C-alpha atoms as a PDB file:
ATOM      1  CA  LEU A   1     -11.965  -2.070   6.967  1.00  0.00           C
ATOM      2  CA  CYS A   2      -9.131   0.770   7.787  1.00  0.00           C
ATOM      3  CA  ILE A   3      -6.520  -1.705   8.725  1.00  0.00           C
ATOM      4  CA  GLN A   4      -7.155  -3.710   4.698  1.00  0.00           C
ATOM      5  CA  LEU A   5      -7.325  -0.668   3.291  1.00  0.00           C
ATOM      6  CA  ASN A   6      -4.597   1.212   4.465  1.00  0.00           C
ATOM      7  CA  GLN A   7      -2.835  -2.579   3.471  1.00  0.00           C
ATOM      8  CA  GLN A   8      -3.410  -1.817   0.156  1.00  0.00           C
ATOM      9  CA  SER A   9      -1.624   1.883  -0.279  1.00  0.00           C
ATOM     10  CA  LEU A  10       1.061   0.190   1.536  1.00  0.00           C
ATOM     11  CA  GLN A  11       1.681  -1.822  -1.206  1.00  0.00           C
ATOM     12  CA  LYS A  12       1.001   0.835  -3.536  1.00  0.00           C
ATOM     13  CA  ALA A  13       3.654   3.450  -2.901  1.00  0.00           C
ATOM     14  CA  VAL A  14       5.827   0.079  -1.541  1.00  0.00           C
ATOM     15  CA  LYS A  15       5.566  -1.282  -5.897  1.00  0.00           C
ATOM     16  CA  SER A  16       6.081   2.509  -6.355  1.00  0.00           C
ATOM     17  CA  HIS A  17       9.110   2.970  -4.607  1.00  0.00           C
ATOM     18  CA  LYS A  18      10.216   0.370  -5.801  1.00  0.00           C
ATOM     19  CA  ASN A  19      10.366   1.385  -8.972  1.00  0.00           C
END
């Protein structure tokens, strides 16, 4: 569960960083 949440957060951060 923790990992799943972390993965989602990471993906969001990567998208934000790309922008």
